[in-house]
Amino acid sequence: RSLPKVLSAEDVERMFVATAARIAREPKDPNDLRLSALVELLYGSGLRATELVSLPRNAVAPDRPYLILRGKGGKERLVPISDRARAAVAAWREHVSSDRAWLFPSGKGHLSRVRLYQLIKALAAEAGIPPDRVSPHVLRHAFATHLLEGGADLRALQAMLGHADIATTEIYTHVDSKRLVDLVNERHPLGEALVDVTKRRD
């Protein structure tokens, strides 16, 4: 299994800045509010593209800090949702008719995965990030990797991502190589000695 592409936290922030700039220019533009909600949920909750576009209209409750998702294999899981994501969804939902079944409706159904990919890649380009480096799946990977870098438990991450096998989640321990190297240097009994020896050689 190949290692997933990962965006830095700085790259993700640039995408958020780009959506905020859009909303600042056109505060009532529903397309920009929708994009903000999509990006917040992708990065803030690590949803799969299919799960995101097919969220029911009432999936994000204003008084509930989590989503109840039915993912692969029909299995339900709880996914935490940030205050920022809930606020973005609330702003967008004001533009969704109460008779629509989906949170992100389009035509007679919901937003397609293809359209989601197009929106995310266009936003990446706007933020100065090569579009071929960004996709909904890459934002899901960023969610997982950045949580792990922050000290998240692997089992908790497995539950949030909806992985049936923890081996699938463990790939993020390989992605997080910088943190592991720093950990060895800081915590290993020989870490400081090795650093000192290297400095003396220089």
C-alpha atoms as a PDB file:
ATOM      1  CA  ARG A   1       0.000   0.000   0.000  1.00  0.00           C
ATOM      2  CA  SER A   2       1.475   3.367  -1.037  1.00  0.00           C
ATOM      3  CA  LEU A   3       1.703   6.248   1.413  1.00  0.00           C
ATOM      4  CA  PRO A   4      -1.072   8.834   1.034  1.00  0.00           C
ATOM      5  CA  LYS A   5      -0.397  12.373  -0.122  1.00  0.00           C
ATOM      6  CA  VAL A   6      -0.492  14.785   2.783  1.00  0.00           C
ATOM      7  CA  LEU A   7      -1.053  18.525   2.919  1.00  0.00           C
ATOM      8  CA  SER A   8       0.710  20.573   5.566  1.00  0.00           C
ATOM      9  CA  ALA A   9      -1.371  22.424   8.130  1.00  0.00           C
ATOM     10  CA  GLU A  10      -0.194  25.625   6.425  1.00  0.00           C
ATOM     11  CA  ASP A  11      -1.589  24.459   3.066  1.00  0.00           C
ATOM     12  CA  VAL A  12      -4.931  23.623   4.633  1.00  0.00           C
ATOM     13  CA  GLU A  13      -5.024  27.025   6.320  1.00  0.00           C
ATOM     14  CA  ARG A  14      -4.430  28.676   2.943  1.00  0.00           C
ATOM     15  CA  MET A  15      -7.539  26.923   1.644  1.00  0.00           C
ATOM     16  CA  PHE A  16      -9.552  28.170   4.612  1.00  0.00           C
ATOM     17  CA  VAL A  17      -8.233  31.696   4.043  1.00  0.00           C
ATOM     18  CA  ALA A  18      -9.334  31.479   0.401  1.00  0.00           C
ATOM     19  CA  THR A  19     -12.886  30.472   1.373  1.00  0.00           C
ATOM     20  CA  ALA A  20     -13.013  33.214   4.027  1.00  0.00           C
ATOM     21  CA  ALA A  21     -11.909  35.783   1.432  1.00  0.00           C
ATOM     22  CA  ARG A  22     -14.700  34.651  -0.893  1.00  0.00           C
ATOM     23  CA  ILE A  23     -17.299  35.006   1.847  1.00  0.00           C
ATOM     24  CA  ALA A  24     -15.920  38.428   2.842  1.00  0.00           C
ATOM     25  CA  ARG A  25     -16.428  39.615  -0.742  1.00  0.00           C
ATOM     26  CA  GLU A  26     -19.893  38.079  -1.130  1.00  0.00           C
ATOM     27  CA  PRO A  27     -21.283  37.283   2.358  1.00  0.00           C
ATOM     28  CA  LYS A  28     -24.586  35.961   1.021  1.00  0.00           C
ATOM     29  CA  ASP A  29     -23.290  33.907  -1.916  1.00  0.00           C
ATOM     30  CA  PRO A  30     -24.637  30.402  -1.210  1.00  0.00           C
ATOM     31  CA  ASN A  31     -21.964  28.755  -3.361  1.00  0.00           C
ATOM     32  CA  ASP A  32     -19.200  30.146  -1.159  1.00  0.00           C
ATOM     33  CA  LEU A  33     -21.049  29.204   2.034  1.00  0.00           C
ATOM     34  CA  ARG A  34     -21.496  25.682   0.691  1.00  0.00           C
ATOM     35  CA  LEU A  35     -17.802  25.417  -0.183  1.00  0.00           C
ATOM     36  CA  SER A  36     -16.855  26.574   3.309  1.00  0.00           C
ATOM     37  CA  ALA A  37     -19.079  23.907   4.882  1.00  0.00           C
ATOM     38  CA  LEU A  38     -17.679  21.202   2.586  1.00  0.00           C
ATOM     39  CA  VAL A  39     -14.045  22.003   3.360  1.00  0.00           C
ATOM     40  CA  GLU A  40     -14.673  22.357   7.106  1.00  0.00           C
ATOM     41  CA  LEU A  41     -16.326  18.925   7.215  1.00  0.00           C
ATOM     42  CA  LEU A  42     -13.682  17.235   5.053  1.00  0.00           C
ATOM     43  CA  TYR A  43     -10.750  18.461   7.103  1.00  0.00           C
ATOM     44  CA  GLY A  44     -12.526  18.843  10.449  1.00  0.00           C
ATOM     45  CA  SER A  45     -14.165  15.409  10.528  1.00  0.00           C
ATOM     46  CA  GLY A  46     -12.245  13.307   7.998  1.00  0.00           C
ATOM     47  CA  LEU A  47     -15.313  12.223   6.054  1.00  0.00           C
ATOM     48  CA  ARG A  48     -15.089  10.171   2.880  1.00  0.00           C
ATOM     49  CA  ALA A  49     -16.275  12.059  -0.209  1.00  0.00           C
ATOM     50  CA  THR A  50     -19.286   9.753  -0.593  1.00  0.00           C
ATOM     51  CA  GLU A  51     -20.246  10.194   3.065  1.00  0.00           C
ATOM     52  CA  LEU A  52     -19.979  13.967   2.809  1.00  0.00           C
ATOM     53  CA  VAL A  53     -22.085  14.525  -0.308  1.00  0.00           C
ATOM     54  CA  SER A  54     -24.797  12.158   0.939  1.00  0.00           C
ATOM     55  CA  LEU A  55     -25.257  13.683   4.399  1.00  0.00           C
ATOM     56  CA  PRO A  56     -28.946  14.193   5.218  1.00  0.00           C
ATOM     57  CA  ARG A  57     -30.076  17.764   5.820  1.00  0.00           C
ATOM     58  CA  ASN A  58     -30.341  17.280   9.592  1.00  0.00           C
ATOM     59  CA  ALA A  59     -27.019  15.401   9.979  1.00  0.00           C
ATOM     60  CA  VAL A  60     -25.348  18.308  11.785  1.00  0.00           C
ATOM     61  CA  ALA A  61     -27.400  19.350  14.808  1.00  0.00           C
ATOM     62  CA  PRO A  62     -26.553  22.745  16.382  1.00  0.00           C
ATOM     63  CA  ASP A  63     -26.594  21.248  19.892  1.00  0.00           C
ATOM     64  CA  ARG A  64     -24.686  18.033  19.130  1.00  0.00           C
ATOM     65  CA  PRO A  65     -20.880  17.995  18.697  1.00  0.00           C
ATOM     66  CA  TYR A  66     -20.829  14.888  16.528  1.00  0.00           C
ATOM     67  CA  LEU A  67     -22.272  13.271  13.409  1.00  0.00           C
ATOM     68  CA  ILE A  68     -23.875   9.852  13.236  1.00  0.00           C
ATOM     69  CA  LEU A  69     -22.688   8.349   9.971  1.00  0.00           C
ATOM     70  CA  ARG A  70     -23.563   5.200   8.113  1.00  0.00           C
ATOM     71  CA  GLY A  71     -20.348   4.346   6.299  1.00  0.00           C
ATOM     72  CA  LYS A  72     -18.917   1.386   4.419  1.00  0.00           C
ATOM     73  CA  GLY A  73     -20.828  -1.841   4.960  1.00  0.00           C
ATOM     74  CA  GLY A  74     -23.740   0.055   6.496  1.00  0.00           C
ATOM     75  CA  LYS A  75     -21.904   0.410   9.819  1.00  0.00           C
ATOM     76  CA  GLU A  76     -22.773   3.404  11.976  1.00  0.00           C
ATOM     77  CA  ARG A  77     -20.095   5.483  13.676  1.00  0.00           C
ATOM     78  CA  LEU A  78     -19.868   8.700  15.676  1.00  0.00           C
ATOM     79  CA  VAL A  79     -17.665  11.425  14.211  1.00  0.00           C
ATOM     80  CA  PRO A  80     -16.779  14.530  16.258  1.00  0.00           C
ATOM     81  CA  ILE A  81     -17.483  17.843  14.565  1.00  0.00           C
ATOM     82  CA  SER A  82     -15.755  21.095  15.476  1.00  0.00           C
ATOM     83  CA  ASP A  83     -17.553  24.271  16.525  1.00  0.00           C
ATOM     84  CA  ARG A  84     -16.115  25.924  13.424  1.00  0.00           C
ATOM     85  CA  ALA A  85     -17.562  23.259  11.130  1.00  0.00           C
ATOM     86  CA  ARG A  86     -20.957  23.452  12.842  1.00  0.00           C
ATOM     87  CA  ALA A  87     -21.004  27.225  12.360  1.00  0.00           C
ATOM     88  CA  ALA A  88     -20.108  26.851   8.666  1.00  0.00           C
ATOM     89  CA  VAL A  89     -22.844  24.252   8.172  1.00  0.00           C
ATOM     90  CA  ALA A  90     -25.399  26.415  10.000  1.00  0.00           C
ATOM     91  CA  ALA A  91     -24.618  29.372   7.707  1.00  0.00           C
ATOM     92  CA  TRP A  92     -24.985  27.162   4.636  1.00  0.00           C
ATOM     93  CA  ARG A  93     -28.134  25.393   5.817  1.00  0.00           C
ATOM     94  CA  GLU A  94     -30.033  28.689   5.854  1.00  0.00           C
ATOM     95  CA  HIS A  95     -29.934  28.425   2.060  1.00  0.00           C
ATOM     96  CA  VAL A  96     -31.155  24.816   1.924  1.00  0.00           C
ATOM     97  CA  SER A  97     -34.912  24.485   1.558  1.00  0.00           C
ATOM     98  CA  SER A  98     -36.522  22.562   4.415  1.00  0.00           C
ATOM     99  CA  ASP A  99     -38.123  20.163   1.953  1.00  0.00           C
ATOM    100  CA  ARG A 100     -34.746  18.968   0.647  1.00  0.00           C
ATOM    101  CA  ALA A 101     -33.528  15.609   1.948  1.00  0.00           C
ATOM    102  CA  TRP A 102     -29.806  16.311   1.584  1.00  0.00           C
ATOM    103  CA  LEU A 103     -27.486  18.773   3.287  1.00  0.00           C
ATOM    104  CA  PHE A 104     -25.797  19.425  -0.063  1.00  0.00           C
ATOM    105  CA  PRO A 105     -28.619  19.065  -2.601  1.00  0.00           C
ATOM    106  CA  SER A 106     -28.188  19.270  -6.349  1.00  0.00           C
ATOM    107  CA  GLY A 107     -30.965  18.824  -8.874  1.00  0.00           C
ATOM    108  CA  LYS A 108     -33.197  16.007  -7.677  1.00  0.00           C
ATOM    109  CA  GLY A 109     -30.482  14.387  -5.582  1.00  0.00           C
ATOM    110  CA  HIS A 110     -27.334  15.445  -3.783  1.00  0.00           C
ATOM    111  CA  LEU A 111     -24.027  16.958  -4.850  1.00  0.00           C
ATOM    112  CA  SER A 112     -21.974  14.463  -6.849  1.00  0.00           C
ATOM    113  CA  ARG A 113     -18.505  13.249  -5.909  1.00  0.00           C
ATOM    114  CA  VAL A 114     -17.228  14.503  -9.272  1.00  0.00           C
ATOM    115  CA  ARG A 115     -18.508  18.017  -8.565  1.00  0.00           C
ATOM    116  CA  LEU A 116     -16.987  17.913  -5.081  1.00  0.00           C
ATOM    117  CA  TYR A 117     -13.601  17.036  -6.597  1.00  0.00           C
ATOM    118  CA  GLN A 118     -13.914  19.936  -9.046  1.00  0.00           C
ATOM    119  CA  LEU A 119     -14.769  22.411  -6.285  1.00  0.00           C
ATOM    120  CA  ILE A 120     -11.868  21.314  -4.066  1.00  0.00           C
ATOM    121  CA  LYS A 121      -9.316  21.435  -6.885  1.00  0.00           C
ATOM    122  CA  ALA A 122     -10.508  24.889  -7.968  1.00  0.00           C
ATOM    123  CA  LEU A 123     -10.156  26.117  -4.380  1.00  0.00           C
ATOM    124  CA  ALA A 124      -6.645  24.660  -4.156  1.00  0.00           C
ATOM    125  CA  ALA A 125      -5.616  26.563  -7.279  1.00  0.00           C
ATOM    126  CA  GLU A 126      -7.118  29.737  -5.815  1.00  0.00           C
ATOM    127  CA  ALA A 127      -5.086  29.182  -2.640  1.00  0.00           C
ATOM    128  CA  GLY A 128      -1.873  28.803  -4.649  1.00  0.00           C
ATOM    129  CA  ILE A 129      -1.605  25.031  -4.169  1.00  0.00           C
ATOM    130  CA  PRO A 130      -1.084  22.761  -7.218  1.00  0.00           C
ATOM    131  CA  PRO A 131      -4.526  21.187  -7.810  1.00  0.00           C
ATOM    132  CA  ASP A 132      -3.007  17.762  -8.489  1.00  0.00           C
ATOM    133  CA  ARG A 133      -1.881  17.691  -4.849  1.00  0.00           C
ATOM    134  CA  VAL A 134      -5.388  18.175  -3.481  1.00  0.00           C
ATOM    135  CA  SER A 135      -8.589  16.124  -3.466  1.00  0.00           C
ATOM    136  CA  PRO A 136     -11.300  15.324  -0.919  1.00  0.00           C
ATOM    137  CA  HIS A 137      -9.356  12.168  -0.036  1.00  0.00           C
ATOM    138  CA  VAL A 138      -6.165  14.164   0.523  1.00  0.00           C
ATOM    139  CA  LEU A 139      -8.033  16.409   2.986  1.00  0.00           C
ATOM    140  CA  ARG A 140      -9.246  13.274   4.794  1.00  0.00           C
ATOM    141  CA  HIS A 141      -5.623  12.128   4.998  1.00  0.00           C
ATOM    142  CA  ALA A 142      -4.599  15.555   6.313  1.00  0.00           C
ATOM    143  CA  PHE A 143      -7.259  15.266   9.043  1.00  0.00           C
ATOM    144  CA  ALA A 144      -5.838  11.903  10.133  1.00  0.00           C
ATOM    145  CA  THR A 145      -2.160  12.810   9.906  1.00  0.00           C
ATOM    146  CA  HIS A 146      -2.499  16.129  11.721  1.00  0.00           C
ATOM    147  CA  LEU A 147      -4.529  14.497  14.500  1.00  0.00           C
ATOM    148  CA  LEU A 148      -1.841  11.843  14.901  1.00  0.00           C
ATOM    149  CA  GLU A 149       0.841  14.537  14.986  1.00  0.00           C
ATOM    150  CA  GLY A 150      -1.150  16.162  17.783  1.00  0.00           C
ATOM    151  CA  GLY A 151      -1.014  12.967  19.830  1.00  0.00           C
ATOM    152  CA  ALA A 152      -4.314  11.287  18.934  1.00  0.00           C
ATOM    153  CA  ASP A 153      -4.718   7.637  19.886  1.00  0.00           C
ATOM    154  CA  LEU A 154      -4.557   5.246  16.924  1.00  0.00           C
ATOM    155  CA  ARG A 155      -7.679   3.341  18.013  1.00  0.00           C
ATOM    156  CA  ALA A 156      -9.664   6.561  18.367  1.00  0.00           C
ATOM    157  CA  LEU A 157      -8.492   7.612  14.916  1.00  0.00           C
ATOM    158  CA  GLN A 158      -9.547   4.238  13.512  1.00  0.00           C
ATOM    159  CA  ALA A 159     -13.055   4.753  14.906  1.00  0.00           C
ATOM    160  CA  MET A 160     -13.330   8.291  13.522  1.00  0.00           C
ATOM    161  CA  LEU A 161     -12.169   7.253  10.052  1.00  0.00           C
ATOM    162  CA  GLY A 162     -14.418   4.192   9.984  1.00  0.00           C
ATOM    163  CA  HIS A 163     -11.618   1.725   9.226  1.00  0.00           C
ATOM    164  CA  ALA A 164     -12.606  -1.898   9.814  1.00  0.00           C
ATOM    165  CA  ASP A 165      -8.954  -2.936  10.192  1.00  0.00           C
ATOM    166  CA  ILE A 166      -6.487  -0.963  12.279  1.00  0.00           C
ATOM    167  CA  ALA A 167      -3.782  -1.894   9.764  1.00  0.00           C
ATOM    168  CA  THR A 168      -5.433   0.593   7.402  1.00  0.00           C
ATOM    169  CA  THR A 169      -5.109   3.326  10.023  1.00  0.00           C
ATOM    170  CA  GLU A 170      -1.516   2.395  10.842  1.00  0.00           C
ATOM    171  CA  ILE A 171      -0.359   3.751   7.492  1.00  0.00           C
ATOM    172  CA  TYR A 172      -0.551   7.204   9.090  1.00  0.00           C
ATOM    173  CA  THR A 173       2.197   6.222  11.521  1.00  0.00           C
ATOM    174  CA  HIS A 174       4.493   5.982   8.488  1.00  0.00           C
ATOM    175  CA  VAL A 175       3.328   9.326   7.143  1.00  0.00           C
ATOM    176  CA  ASP A 176       4.072  10.916  10.502  1.00  0.00           C
ATOM    177  CA  SER A 177       7.792  10.156  10.133  1.00  0.00           C
ATOM    178  CA  LYS A 178       9.013  13.603  11.230  1.00  0.00           C
ATOM    179  CA  ARG A 179       7.251  13.308  14.581  1.00  0.00           C
ATOM    180  CA  LEU A 180       8.736   9.851  15.116  1.00  0.00           C
ATOM    181  CA  VAL A 181      12.258  11.094  14.352  1.00  0.00           C
ATOM    182  CA  ASP A 182      11.778  14.011  16.758  1.00  0.00           C
ATOM    183  CA  LEU A 183      10.446  11.594  19.377  1.00  0.00           C
ATOM    184  CA  VAL A 184      13.579   9.437  19.153  1.00  0.00           C
ATOM    185  CA  ASN A 185      15.842  12.480  19.405  1.00  0.00           C
ATOM    186  CA  GLU A 186      13.949  13.907  22.381  1.00  0.00           C
ATOM    187  CA  ARG A 187      13.022  10.789  24.370  1.00  0.00           C
ATOM    188  CA  HIS A 188      15.560   8.069  23.542  1.00  0.00           C
ATOM    189  CA  PRO A 189      18.309   7.756  26.200  1.00  0.00           C
ATOM    190  CA  LEU A 190      20.967   8.143  23.507  1.00  0.00           C
ATOM    191  CA  GLY A 191      19.127  10.873  21.642  1.00  0.00           C
ATOM    192  CA  GLU A 192      20.997  13.841  23.142  1.00  0.00           C
ATOM    193  CA  ALA A 193      24.324  12.025  23.021  1.00  0.00           C
ATOM    194  CA  LEU A 194      23.851  11.260  19.335  1.00  0.00           C
ATOM    195  CA  VAL A 195      22.975  14.873  18.614  1.00  0.00           C
ATOM    196  CA  ASP A 196      26.065  16.065  20.537  1.00  0.00           C
ATOM    197  CA  VAL A 197      28.336  13.679  18.637  1.00  0.00           C
ATOM    198  CA  THR A 198      26.912  14.905  15.334  1.00  0.00           C
ATOM    199  CA  LYS A 199      27.515  18.526  16.329  1.00  0.00           C
ATOM    200  CA  ARG A 200      31.123  17.794  17.362  1.00  0.00           C
ATOM    201  CA  ARG A 201      31.769  16.160  13.996  1.00  0.00           C
ATOM    202  CA  ASP A 202      30.526  19.283  12.263  1.00  0.00           C
END
